[in-house]
Amino acid sequence: MITRHRKARTLYGAVEHNGVIYFAGHAADDINTGMKEQTRQTCAKLETFLNELGSSKSNILQARIYLSDMSRKEEMNEAWLEWLDGADLPSRATIGGCDLGDPKRLIEIVLTAAKD
């Protein structure tokens, strides 16, 4: 069975199938902040959504992180590692030089996670 969550005009915020949750790209609400703060906001938003769907950040299988500026990757890494337990790191790709729709939007995160 496929279950879709949080319908938007062009997508769902997450789609669930066979105990795996596939998240759309999520970003910070306040884009008038720097990379580290936008990363923190995005991670907090995703953690709330993970918990709502019966999962947790320790169940993240894969992350794709899109950055507008790869030279700021270390700022993102600092917030990312503050958020995750080092024992539960997912596989990850970080893609830089992305146009995220607004020059102030610095990061977008896509996750795949298992249900608890």
N, C-alpha and C. Protein backbone atom coordinates (compact mmCIF):
# COMPACT_ATOMS: atom_id res chain seq x y z
N MET A 1 0.84 -1.17 0.00
CA MET A 1 0.00 0.00 0.00
C MET A 1 0.89 1.24 0.00
N ILE A 2 0.50 2.23 -0.75
CA ILE A 2 1.20 3.51 -0.81
C ILE A 2 0.37 4.54 -0.06
N THR A 3 1.03 5.26 0.85
CA THR A 3 0.38 6.32 1.61
C THR A 3 1.12 7.61 1.36
N ARG A 4 0.36 8.64 1.01
CA ARG A 4 0.94 9.95 0.73
C ARG A 4 0.61 10.91 1.86
N HIS A 5 1.58 11.78 2.19
CA HIS A 5 1.43 12.69 3.33
C HIS A 5 1.71 14.12 2.90
N ARG A 6 0.91 15.05 3.42
CA ARG A 6 1.07 16.49 3.23
C ARG A 6 1.08 16.90 1.75
N LYS A 7 -0.11 16.86 1.17
CA LYS A 7 -0.25 17.23 -0.24
C LYS A 7 -0.01 18.72 -0.45
N ALA A 8 0.79 19.01 -1.44
CA ALA A 8 1.00 20.39 -1.91
C ALA A 8 0.51 20.43 -3.36
N ARG A 9 0.63 21.57 -3.97
CA ARG A 9 0.13 21.72 -5.33
C ARG A 9 0.79 20.75 -6.31
N THR A 10 2.11 20.55 -6.23
CA THR A 10 2.83 19.76 -7.22
C THR A 10 3.44 18.46 -6.68
N LEU A 11 3.27 18.19 -5.38
CA LEU A 11 3.92 17.01 -4.80
C LEU A 11 3.34 16.72 -3.43
N TYR A 12 3.79 15.61 -2.84
CA TYR A 12 3.51 15.30 -1.45
C TYR A 12 4.80 15.49 -0.67
N GLY A 13 4.68 15.87 0.59
CA GLY A 13 5.84 16.05 1.44
C GLY A 13 6.58 14.76 1.69
N ALA A 14 5.84 13.64 1.66
CA ALA A 14 6.44 12.31 1.82
C ALA A 14 5.49 11.27 1.26
N VAL A 15 6.07 10.19 0.78
CA VAL A 15 5.31 9.05 0.28
C VAL A 15 5.88 7.81 0.96
N GLU A 16 4.98 6.97 1.45
CA GLU A 16 5.37 5.79 2.23
C GLU A 16 4.97 4.52 1.50
N HIS A 17 5.89 3.53 1.50
CA HIS A 17 5.61 2.25 0.87
C HIS A 17 6.45 1.16 1.54
N ASN A 18 5.81 0.07 1.93
CA ASN A 18 6.51 -1.08 2.53
C ASN A 18 7.45 -0.70 3.67
N GLY A 19 7.01 0.20 4.55
CA GLY A 19 7.80 0.56 5.72
C GLY A 19 8.93 1.53 5.45
N VAL A 20 8.97 2.10 4.24
CA VAL A 20 10.00 3.08 3.91
C VAL A 20 9.30 4.39 3.55
N ILE A 21 9.85 5.51 4.06
CA ILE A 21 9.29 6.83 3.80
C ILE A 21 10.25 7.60 2.90
N TYR A 22 9.73 8.10 1.80
CA TYR A 22 10.50 8.88 0.84
C TYR A 22 10.06 10.33 0.96
N PHE A 23 10.94 11.17 1.45
CA PHE A 23 10.61 12.57 1.67
C PHE A 23 10.95 13.40 0.44
N ALA A 24 10.12 14.38 0.18
CA ALA A 24 10.43 15.39 -0.84
C ALA A 24 11.53 16.29 -0.29
N GLY A 25 11.99 17.21 -1.08
CA GLY A 25 12.97 18.18 -0.59
C GLY A 25 12.33 19.13 0.40
N HIS A 26 13.01 19.34 1.52
CA HIS A 26 12.53 20.26 2.55
C HIS A 26 13.60 21.31 2.81
N ALA A 27 13.14 22.50 3.18
CA ALA A 27 14.05 23.63 3.37
C ALA A 27 13.59 24.45 4.57
N ALA A 28 14.44 25.38 4.98
CA ALA A 28 14.15 26.26 6.10
C ALA A 28 13.01 27.20 5.77
N ASP A 29 12.26 27.59 6.78
CA ASP A 29 11.20 28.58 6.60
C ASP A 29 11.76 30.00 6.56
N ASP A 30 12.79 30.25 7.37
CA ASP A 30 13.40 31.58 7.42
C ASP A 30 14.69 31.55 6.60
N ILE A 31 14.62 32.08 5.39
CA ILE A 31 15.80 32.05 4.52
C ILE A 31 16.64 33.32 4.64
N ASN A 32 16.35 34.12 5.63
CA ASN A 32 17.16 35.31 5.90
C ASN A 32 18.24 35.01 6.93
N THR A 33 18.64 33.76 7.01
CA THR A 33 19.68 33.32 7.94
C THR A 33 20.80 32.65 7.13
N GLY A 34 21.88 32.28 7.80
CA GLY A 34 23.01 31.66 7.14
C GLY A 34 22.83 30.16 6.95
N MET A 35 23.84 29.55 6.38
CA MET A 35 23.81 28.11 6.07
C MET A 35 23.58 27.26 7.32
N LYS A 36 24.31 27.54 8.37
CA LYS A 36 24.18 26.71 9.57
C LYS A 36 22.77 26.78 10.15
N GLU A 37 22.21 27.97 10.23
CA GLU A 37 20.86 28.12 10.79
C GLU A 37 19.81 27.53 9.85
N GLN A 38 19.96 27.71 8.55
CA GLN A 38 18.99 27.09 7.63
C GLN A 38 19.07 25.57 7.74
N THR A 39 20.27 25.03 7.92
CA THR A 39 20.41 23.58 8.10
C THR A 39 19.71 23.15 9.37
N ARG A 40 19.92 23.87 10.46
CA ARG A 40 19.25 23.53 11.74
C ARG A 40 17.73 23.54 11.58
N GLN A 41 17.21 24.58 10.95
CA GLN A 41 15.76 24.68 10.75
C GLN A 41 15.23 23.52 9.92
N THR A 42 15.94 23.21 8.86
CA THR A 42 15.50 22.13 7.98
C THR A 42 15.52 20.79 8.70
N CYS A 43 16.57 20.54 9.45
CA CYS A 43 16.67 19.28 10.21
C CYS A 43 15.57 19.19 11.26
N ALA A 44 15.28 20.29 11.96
CA ALA A 44 14.21 20.28 12.96
C ALA A 44 12.86 20.01 12.30
N LYS A 45 12.64 20.60 11.16
CA LYS A 45 11.39 20.39 10.41
C LYS A 45 11.27 18.91 10.00
N LEU A 46 12.36 18.35 9.50
CA LEU A 46 12.35 16.94 9.10
C LEU A 46 12.17 16.01 10.30
N GLU A 47 12.77 16.35 11.42
CA GLU A 47 12.61 15.51 12.61
C GLU A 47 11.16 15.47 13.07
N THR A 48 10.50 16.61 13.04
CA THR A 48 9.07 16.65 13.39
C THR A 48 8.27 15.77 12.45
N PHE A 49 8.53 15.86 11.16
CA PHE A 49 7.82 15.08 10.15
C PHE A 49 8.12 13.58 10.32
N LEU A 50 9.38 13.24 10.55
CA LEU A 50 9.76 11.83 10.80
C LEU A 50 8.96 11.27 11.98
N ASN A 51 8.93 12.00 13.08
CA ASN A 51 8.21 11.55 14.27
C ASN A 51 6.72 11.42 14.00
N GLU A 52 6.17 12.36 13.27
CA GLU A 52 4.74 12.34 12.91
C GLU A 52 4.39 11.07 12.13
N LEU A 53 5.34 10.59 11.32
CA LEU A 53 5.08 9.43 10.47
C LEU A 53 5.55 8.11 11.11
N GLY A 54 5.92 8.15 12.39
CA GLY A 54 6.29 6.92 13.07
C GLY A 54 7.72 6.49 12.81
N SER A 55 8.60 7.45 12.58
CA SER A 55 10.00 7.15 12.36
C SER A 55 10.82 8.07 13.26
N SER A 56 12.11 8.13 13.04
CA SER A 56 12.98 9.00 13.82
C SER A 56 14.26 9.25 13.02
N LYS A 57 15.03 10.22 13.47
CA LYS A 57 16.26 10.53 12.75
C LYS A 57 17.26 9.38 12.78
N SER A 58 17.17 8.49 13.75
CA SER A 58 18.06 7.32 13.78
C SER A 58 17.70 6.29 12.71
N ASN A 59 16.55 6.46 12.07
CA ASN A 59 16.10 5.54 11.02
C ASN A 59 16.32 6.08 9.61
N ILE A 60 17.04 7.19 9.49
CA ILE A 60 17.30 7.75 8.16
C ILE A 60 18.27 6.82 7.43
N LEU A 61 17.89 6.40 6.26
CA LEU A 61 18.70 5.50 5.44
C LEU A 61 19.62 6.28 4.51
N GLN A 62 19.08 7.33 3.92
CA GLN A 62 19.83 8.08 2.91
C GLN A 62 19.42 9.55 2.97
N ALA A 63 20.39 10.42 2.70
CA ALA A 63 20.12 11.85 2.59
C ALA A 63 20.79 12.38 1.33
N ARG A 64 20.06 13.25 0.64
CA ARG A 64 20.64 14.03 -0.45
C ARG A 64 20.51 15.48 -0.02
N ILE A 65 21.63 16.15 0.02
CA ILE A 65 21.65 17.54 0.48
C ILE A 65 22.08 18.42 -0.69
N TYR A 66 21.24 19.37 -1.02
CA TYR A 66 21.50 20.29 -2.12
C TYR A 66 21.90 21.65 -1.53
N LEU A 67 23.07 22.14 -1.93
CA LEU A 67 23.58 23.41 -1.45
C LEU A 67 23.70 24.40 -2.61
N SER A 68 23.37 25.64 -2.34
CA SER A 68 23.54 26.67 -3.37
C SER A 68 25.02 27.00 -3.55
N ASP A 69 25.81 26.80 -2.50
CA ASP A 69 27.22 27.18 -2.53
C ASP A 69 28.03 26.13 -1.78
N MET A 70 28.76 25.31 -2.53
CA MET A 70 29.52 24.22 -1.94
C MET A 70 30.63 24.71 -1.01
N SER A 71 31.07 25.94 -1.15
CA SER A 71 32.12 26.46 -0.27
C SER A 71 31.62 26.60 1.17
N ARG A 72 30.31 26.49 1.37
CA ARG A 72 29.71 26.60 2.71
C ARG A 72 29.36 25.23 3.29
N LYS A 73 29.86 24.18 2.69
CA LYS A 73 29.54 22.81 3.11
C LYS A 73 29.90 22.55 4.57
N GLU A 74 31.03 23.07 5.03
CA GLU A 74 31.44 22.81 6.41
C GLU A 74 30.46 23.41 7.42
N GLU A 75 29.87 24.57 7.11
CA GLU A 75 28.84 25.15 7.97
C GLU A 75 27.64 24.20 8.08
N MET A 76 27.26 23.64 6.94
CA MET A 76 26.17 22.67 6.92
C MET A 76 26.55 21.44 7.74
N ASN A 77 27.77 20.92 7.52
CA ASN A 77 28.23 19.74 8.25
C ASN A 77 28.19 19.94 9.76
N GLU A 78 28.54 21.12 10.24
CA GLU A 78 28.50 21.40 11.67
C GLU A 78 27.10 21.21 12.23
N ALA A 79 26.11 21.81 11.57
CA ALA A 79 24.72 21.68 12.04
C ALA A 79 24.22 20.24 11.87
N TRP A 80 24.58 19.59 10.77
CA TRP A 80 24.18 18.21 10.49
C TRP A 80 24.68 17.28 11.60
N LEU A 81 25.95 17.44 11.98
CA LEU A 81 26.53 16.56 13.00
C LEU A 81 26.04 16.90 14.40
N GLU A 82 25.63 18.13 14.64
CA GLU A 82 24.97 18.48 15.91
C GLU A 82 23.63 17.77 16.01
N TRP A 83 22.96 17.60 14.88
CA TRP A 83 21.61 17.03 14.86
C TRP A 83 21.63 15.51 14.96
N LEU A 84 22.56 14.85 14.29
CA LEU A 84 22.57 13.39 14.22
C LEU A 84 23.57 12.77 15.19
N ASP A 85 23.22 11.63 15.72
CA ASP A 85 24.15 10.85 16.51
C ASP A 85 25.16 10.23 15.55
N GLY A 86 26.43 10.35 15.84
CA GLY A 86 27.46 9.84 14.96
C GLY A 86 27.35 8.36 14.66
N ALA A 87 26.67 7.60 15.50
CA ALA A 87 26.51 6.16 15.28
C ALA A 87 25.41 5.86 14.27
N ASP A 88 24.53 6.82 14.02
CA ASP A 88 23.37 6.59 13.15
C ASP A 88 23.42 7.40 11.86
N LEU A 89 24.61 7.73 11.39
CA LEU A 89 24.71 8.52 10.16
C LEU A 89 24.19 7.73 8.97
N PRO A 90 23.41 8.37 8.10
CA PRO A 90 22.92 7.69 6.90
C PRO A 90 23.95 7.77 5.78
N SER A 91 23.70 7.05 4.70
CA SER A 91 24.48 7.31 3.49
C SER A 91 24.05 8.70 3.02
N ARG A 92 24.97 9.40 2.34
CA ARG A 92 24.66 10.79 2.02
C ARG A 92 25.40 11.24 0.77
N ALA A 93 24.74 12.09 0.01
CA ALA A 93 25.37 12.80 -1.10
C ALA A 93 25.10 14.28 -0.88
N THR A 94 26.12 15.10 -1.12
CA THR A 94 25.96 16.55 -1.04
C THR A 94 26.26 17.10 -2.43
N ILE A 95 25.30 17.81 -2.97
CA ILE A 95 25.38 18.33 -4.32
C ILE A 95 25.43 19.85 -4.23
N GLY A 96 26.44 20.47 -4.81
CA GLY A 96 26.60 21.91 -4.72
C GLY A 96 26.28 22.63 -6.01
N GLY A 97 26.22 23.94 -5.91
CA GLY A 97 25.96 24.79 -7.07
C GLY A 97 24.52 24.75 -7.53
N CYS A 98 23.59 24.46 -6.63
CA CYS A 98 22.19 24.28 -7.01
C CYS A 98 21.42 25.60 -6.95
N ASP A 99 20.54 25.79 -7.92
CA ASP A 99 19.59 26.89 -7.89
C ASP A 99 18.38 26.38 -7.12
N LEU A 100 18.16 26.92 -5.93
CA LEU A 100 17.09 26.43 -5.06
C LEU A 100 15.86 27.35 -5.09
N GLY A 101 15.75 28.13 -6.16
CA GLY A 101 14.54 28.92 -6.38
C GLY A 101 14.57 30.33 -5.83
N ASP A 102 15.44 30.59 -4.89
CA ASP A 102 15.60 31.92 -4.31
C ASP A 102 17.07 32.05 -3.91
N PRO A 103 17.74 33.12 -4.28
CA PRO A 103 19.17 33.23 -3.95
C PRO A 103 19.47 33.15 -2.46
N LYS A 104 18.48 33.44 -1.62
CA LYS A 104 18.69 33.36 -0.17
C LYS A 104 18.50 31.95 0.36
N ARG A 105 17.87 31.07 -0.42
CA ARG A 105 17.70 29.67 0.01
C ARG A 105 19.02 28.96 -0.23
N LEU A 106 19.64 28.47 0.85
CA LEU A 106 20.98 27.92 0.79
C LEU A 106 21.03 26.40 0.80
N ILE A 107 19.96 25.75 1.25
CA ILE A 107 19.99 24.30 1.43
C ILE A 107 18.60 23.69 1.26
N GLU A 108 18.57 22.50 0.70
CA GLU A 108 17.36 21.66 0.63
C GLU A 108 17.81 20.24 0.92
N ILE A 109 17.02 19.53 1.72
CA ILE A 109 17.37 18.17 2.13
C ILE A 109 16.26 17.20 1.74
N VAL A 110 16.66 16.09 1.13
CA VAL A 110 15.77 14.99 0.75
C VAL A 110 16.20 13.76 1.56
N LEU A 111 15.24 13.11 2.22
CA LEU A 111 15.55 11.93 3.03
C LEU A 111 14.78 10.71 2.57
N THR A 112 15.34 9.55 2.86
CA THR A 112 14.64 8.27 2.82
C THR A 112 14.84 7.65 4.19
N ALA A 113 13.75 7.17 4.81
CA ALA A 113 13.85 6.63 6.18
C ALA A 113 12.98 5.41 6.34
N ALA A 114 13.39 4.52 7.24
CA ALA A 114 12.59 3.37 7.61
C ALA A 114 11.62 3.77 8.72
N LYS A 115 10.48 3.11 8.78
CA LYS A 115 9.56 3.31 9.90
C LYS A 115 10.11 2.59 11.11
N ASP A 116 9.73 3.04 12.30
CA ASP A 116 10.15 2.36 13.55
C ASP A 116 9.56 0.98 13.62
